[in-house]
N, C-alpha and C. Protein backbone atom coordinates (compact mmCIF):
# COMPACT_ATOMS: atom_id res chain seq x y z
N MET A 1 -4.69 89.11 -1.54
CA MET A 1 -3.27 88.96 -1.73
C MET A 1 -2.71 88.16 -0.55
N GLU A 2 -1.96 87.12 -0.85
CA GLU A 2 -1.32 86.29 0.17
C GLU A 2 0.13 86.72 0.35
N ILE A 3 0.59 86.78 1.59
CA ILE A 3 1.97 87.18 1.88
C ILE A 3 2.55 86.23 2.92
N LEU A 4 3.77 85.78 2.69
CA LEU A 4 4.51 84.98 3.67
C LEU A 4 5.64 85.84 4.21
N LEU A 5 5.77 85.88 5.52
CA LEU A 5 6.84 86.65 6.15
C LEU A 5 7.69 85.76 7.04
N ARG A 6 8.99 85.98 7.00
CA ARG A 6 9.89 85.32 7.94
C ARG A 6 9.87 86.12 9.24
N ARG A 7 10.36 85.52 10.31
CA ARG A 7 10.44 86.21 11.60
C ARG A 7 11.20 87.52 11.43
N ASP A 8 10.70 88.59 12.02
CA ASP A 8 11.28 89.94 11.98
C ASP A 8 11.17 90.63 10.63
N GLU A 9 10.58 89.99 9.63
CA GLU A 9 10.38 90.63 8.34
C GLU A 9 9.13 91.51 8.43
N SER A 10 9.16 92.66 7.76
CA SER A 10 8.02 93.57 7.85
C SER A 10 7.75 94.23 6.51
N PHE A 11 6.57 94.83 6.41
CA PHE A 11 6.21 95.60 5.22
C PHE A 11 5.23 96.69 5.62
N THR A 12 5.01 97.62 4.71
CA THR A 12 4.09 98.72 4.98
C THR A 12 2.93 98.71 3.99
N ILE A 13 1.82 99.27 4.44
CA ILE A 13 0.67 99.53 3.58
C ILE A 13 0.46 101.04 3.62
N ALA A 14 0.49 101.67 2.47
CA ALA A 14 0.29 103.11 2.38
C ALA A 14 -0.71 103.39 1.26
N GLY A 15 -1.20 104.58 1.23
CA GLY A 15 -2.19 104.93 0.21
C GLY A 15 -3.58 104.83 0.82
N SER A 16 -4.49 104.25 0.10
CA SER A 16 -5.89 104.16 0.53
C SER A 16 -6.12 102.89 1.33
N GLY A 17 -5.55 102.82 2.52
CA GLY A 17 -5.64 101.60 3.33
C GLY A 17 -6.92 101.46 4.13
N ASN A 18 -7.71 102.52 4.24
CA ASN A 18 -8.92 102.47 5.05
C ASN A 18 -9.83 101.33 4.59
N GLY A 19 -10.22 100.47 5.52
CA GLY A 19 -11.10 99.35 5.21
C GLY A 19 -10.38 98.07 4.82
N VAL A 20 -9.06 98.14 4.60
CA VAL A 20 -8.29 96.93 4.29
C VAL A 20 -8.28 96.03 5.51
N VAL A 21 -8.42 94.73 5.29
CA VAL A 21 -8.42 93.76 6.39
C VAL A 21 -7.15 92.90 6.28
N VAL A 22 -6.42 92.80 7.39
CA VAL A 22 -5.25 91.93 7.48
C VAL A 22 -5.70 90.68 8.24
N VAL A 23 -5.57 89.52 7.61
CA VAL A 23 -5.97 88.25 8.21
C VAL A 23 -4.71 87.44 8.49
N CYS A 24 -4.47 87.11 9.75
CA CYS A 24 -3.33 86.28 10.13
C CYS A 24 -3.76 84.82 10.00
N ARG A 25 -3.19 84.12 9.05
CA ARG A 25 -3.55 82.72 8.82
C ARG A 25 -2.68 81.78 9.65
N GLU A 26 -1.45 82.22 9.92
CA GLU A 26 -0.50 81.41 10.69
C GLU A 26 0.56 82.34 11.26
N GLY A 27 1.07 82.04 12.45
CA GLY A 27 2.12 82.85 13.05
C GLY A 27 1.57 83.96 13.94
N THR A 28 2.41 84.98 14.18
CA THR A 28 2.03 86.11 15.01
C THR A 28 2.49 87.39 14.32
N LEU A 29 1.58 88.37 14.23
CA LEU A 29 1.88 89.64 13.59
C LEU A 29 1.76 90.78 14.59
N TRP A 30 2.64 91.75 14.45
CA TRP A 30 2.56 92.99 15.20
C TRP A 30 2.18 94.07 14.21
N ILE A 31 1.12 94.80 14.49
CA ILE A 31 0.64 95.84 13.58
C ILE A 31 0.61 97.17 14.31
N THR A 32 1.17 98.19 13.67
CA THR A 32 1.11 99.55 14.19
C THR A 32 0.71 100.46 13.05
N GLN A 33 -0.07 101.50 13.38
CA GLN A 33 -0.56 102.41 12.35
C GLN A 33 -0.36 103.85 12.79
N ALA A 34 0.15 104.68 11.89
CA ALA A 34 0.32 106.10 12.17
C ALA A 34 -1.03 106.69 12.56
N GLY A 35 -1.04 107.45 13.65
CA GLY A 35 -2.26 108.07 14.13
C GLY A 35 -3.04 107.23 15.13
N ASP A 36 -2.63 105.99 15.34
CA ASP A 36 -3.29 105.09 16.30
C ASP A 36 -2.31 104.88 17.44
N THR A 37 -2.69 105.21 18.67
CA THR A 37 -1.78 105.08 19.80
C THR A 37 -1.61 103.65 20.26
N ARG A 38 -2.44 102.74 19.74
CA ARG A 38 -2.36 101.33 20.15
C ARG A 38 -1.60 100.50 19.12
N ASP A 39 -0.93 99.49 19.59
CA ASP A 39 -0.36 98.46 18.72
C ASP A 39 -1.28 97.25 18.80
N HIS A 40 -1.23 96.42 17.79
CA HIS A 40 -2.13 95.27 17.73
C HIS A 40 -1.31 94.00 17.46
N LEU A 41 -1.60 92.94 18.20
CA LEU A 41 -0.98 91.64 17.98
C LEU A 41 -2.05 90.70 17.43
N LEU A 42 -1.72 90.04 16.34
CA LEU A 42 -2.64 89.08 15.74
C LEU A 42 -2.02 87.70 15.78
N ASN A 43 -2.79 86.72 16.20
CA ASN A 43 -2.40 85.32 16.12
C ASN A 43 -3.24 84.66 15.03
N ALA A 44 -2.89 83.42 14.71
CA ALA A 44 -3.61 82.69 13.66
C ALA A 44 -5.11 82.76 13.89
N GLY A 45 -5.84 83.09 12.83
CA GLY A 45 -7.29 83.15 12.90
C GLY A 45 -7.84 84.52 13.25
N GLU A 46 -6.97 85.48 13.60
CA GLU A 46 -7.44 86.81 13.96
C GLU A 46 -7.27 87.77 12.79
N ARG A 47 -8.01 88.89 12.86
CA ARG A 47 -7.96 89.88 11.79
C ARG A 47 -7.94 91.28 12.36
N TYR A 48 -7.43 92.20 11.54
CA TYR A 48 -7.36 93.61 11.90
C TYR A 48 -7.86 94.42 10.71
N THR A 49 -8.76 95.37 10.96
CA THR A 49 -9.27 96.24 9.91
C THR A 49 -8.62 97.61 10.04
N VAL A 50 -7.99 98.07 8.97
CA VAL A 50 -7.34 99.37 8.95
C VAL A 50 -8.41 100.46 8.97
N ARG A 51 -8.24 101.44 9.85
CA ARG A 51 -9.14 102.59 9.95
C ARG A 51 -8.33 103.85 9.70
N GLY A 52 -8.75 104.65 8.78
CA GLY A 52 -8.04 105.89 8.46
C GLY A 52 -7.00 105.68 7.39
N SER A 53 -6.21 106.72 7.17
CA SER A 53 -5.25 106.69 6.07
C SER A 53 -3.80 106.63 6.51
N GLY A 54 -3.53 106.46 7.82
CA GLY A 54 -2.15 106.40 8.30
C GLY A 54 -1.42 105.17 7.79
N VAL A 55 -0.13 105.32 7.53
CA VAL A 55 0.71 104.20 7.09
C VAL A 55 0.65 103.09 8.13
N VAL A 56 0.54 101.85 7.67
CA VAL A 56 0.46 100.67 8.52
C VAL A 56 1.75 99.87 8.36
N VAL A 57 2.36 99.49 9.48
CA VAL A 57 3.55 98.63 9.46
C VAL A 57 3.15 97.30 10.08
N ILE A 58 3.46 96.23 9.37
CA ILE A 58 3.15 94.87 9.83
C ILE A 58 4.45 94.10 9.92
N GLU A 59 4.72 93.53 11.10
CA GLU A 59 5.95 92.76 11.31
C GLU A 59 5.60 91.38 11.85
N ALA A 60 6.32 90.38 11.36
CA ALA A 60 6.12 89.00 11.84
C ALA A 60 6.98 88.78 13.08
N LEU A 61 6.33 88.45 14.20
CA LEU A 61 7.07 88.09 15.41
C LEU A 61 7.48 86.63 15.37
N ARG A 62 6.79 85.86 14.57
CA ARG A 62 7.12 84.47 14.22
C ARG A 62 6.85 84.34 12.74
N PRO A 63 7.39 83.33 12.07
CA PRO A 63 7.05 83.17 10.65
C PRO A 63 5.53 83.21 10.49
N ALA A 64 5.08 83.95 9.47
CA ALA A 64 3.64 84.18 9.34
C ALA A 64 3.16 84.06 7.91
N ASP A 65 1.92 83.65 7.80
CA ASP A 65 1.19 83.58 6.54
C ASP A 65 -0.02 84.49 6.73
N LEU A 66 -0.16 85.49 5.88
CA LEU A 66 -1.27 86.41 6.05
C LEU A 66 -1.93 86.72 4.71
N ARG A 67 -3.11 87.28 4.82
CA ARG A 67 -3.86 87.66 3.63
C ARG A 67 -4.31 89.11 3.81
N ILE A 68 -4.21 89.87 2.71
CA ILE A 68 -4.70 91.25 2.68
C ILE A 68 -5.99 91.24 1.87
N GLU A 69 -7.08 91.74 2.47
CA GLU A 69 -8.37 91.79 1.79
C GLU A 69 -8.79 93.25 1.65
N ARG A 70 -9.33 93.60 0.48
CA ARG A 70 -9.83 94.95 0.24
C ARG A 70 -11.31 94.90 -0.06
N PRO A 71 -12.03 95.94 0.34
CA PRO A 71 -13.43 96.00 -0.05
C PRO A 71 -13.53 95.96 -1.58
N GLN A 72 -14.42 95.18 -2.13
CA GLN A 72 -14.50 95.01 -3.59
C GLN A 72 -14.77 96.30 -4.33
N GLU A 73 -15.49 97.22 -3.72
CA GLU A 73 -15.82 98.46 -4.40
C GLU A 73 -14.70 99.50 -4.34
N ASP A 74 -13.60 99.19 -3.67
CA ASP A 74 -12.50 100.14 -3.50
C ASP A 74 -11.45 99.91 -4.58
N PHE A 75 -11.33 100.86 -5.50
CA PHE A 75 -10.36 100.74 -6.58
C PHE A 75 -9.22 101.74 -6.46
N ARG A 76 -9.14 102.43 -5.32
CA ARG A 76 -8.06 103.39 -5.12
C ARG A 76 -6.72 102.66 -4.97
N PRO A 77 -5.61 103.34 -5.33
CA PRO A 77 -4.29 102.70 -5.24
C PRO A 77 -3.93 102.32 -3.80
N LEU A 78 -3.29 101.19 -3.66
CA LEU A 78 -2.79 100.70 -2.38
C LEU A 78 -1.34 100.28 -2.60
N ARG A 79 -0.42 100.83 -1.82
CA ARG A 79 0.99 100.50 -1.97
C ARG A 79 1.43 99.58 -0.83
N ILE A 80 1.92 98.41 -1.20
CA ILE A 80 2.46 97.47 -0.22
C ILE A 80 3.94 97.30 -0.56
N SER A 81 4.80 97.55 0.42
CA SER A 81 6.23 97.45 0.16
C SER A 81 6.98 97.00 1.39
N PRO A 82 8.18 96.41 1.19
CA PRO A 82 8.99 96.01 2.35
C PRO A 82 9.33 97.23 3.19
N ALA A 83 9.31 97.06 4.50
CA ALA A 83 9.67 98.16 5.40
C ALA A 83 11.18 98.34 5.36
N THR A 84 11.63 99.56 5.62
CA THR A 84 13.07 99.85 5.56
C THR A 84 13.67 99.94 6.94
N GLY A 85 13.51 98.91 7.72
CA GLY A 85 14.04 98.88 9.08
C GLY A 85 12.99 98.34 10.02
N ARG A 86 13.31 98.26 11.28
CA ARG A 86 12.37 97.71 12.26
C ARG A 86 11.22 98.67 12.46
N ALA A 87 10.07 98.09 12.72
CA ALA A 87 8.85 98.88 12.93
C ALA A 87 8.91 99.64 14.23
């Protein structure tokens, strides 16, 4: 799934996010996940793999083009929706 975000625009990944890979194709992304004490910054060409089931918030610090990849064998529901405020 390809997603384009404007600066300061964000969305969440909830449900069966474990193993999902976020690929930053362009721009800069800030990623935070419930249960993870670290925040992650991705620049173009970098990727982040979701570990666990905590809700993930992804925000564009600059306009960004990203891709969400799922393991092919994973058919569990994944909910991606606009975030309701700043991350």
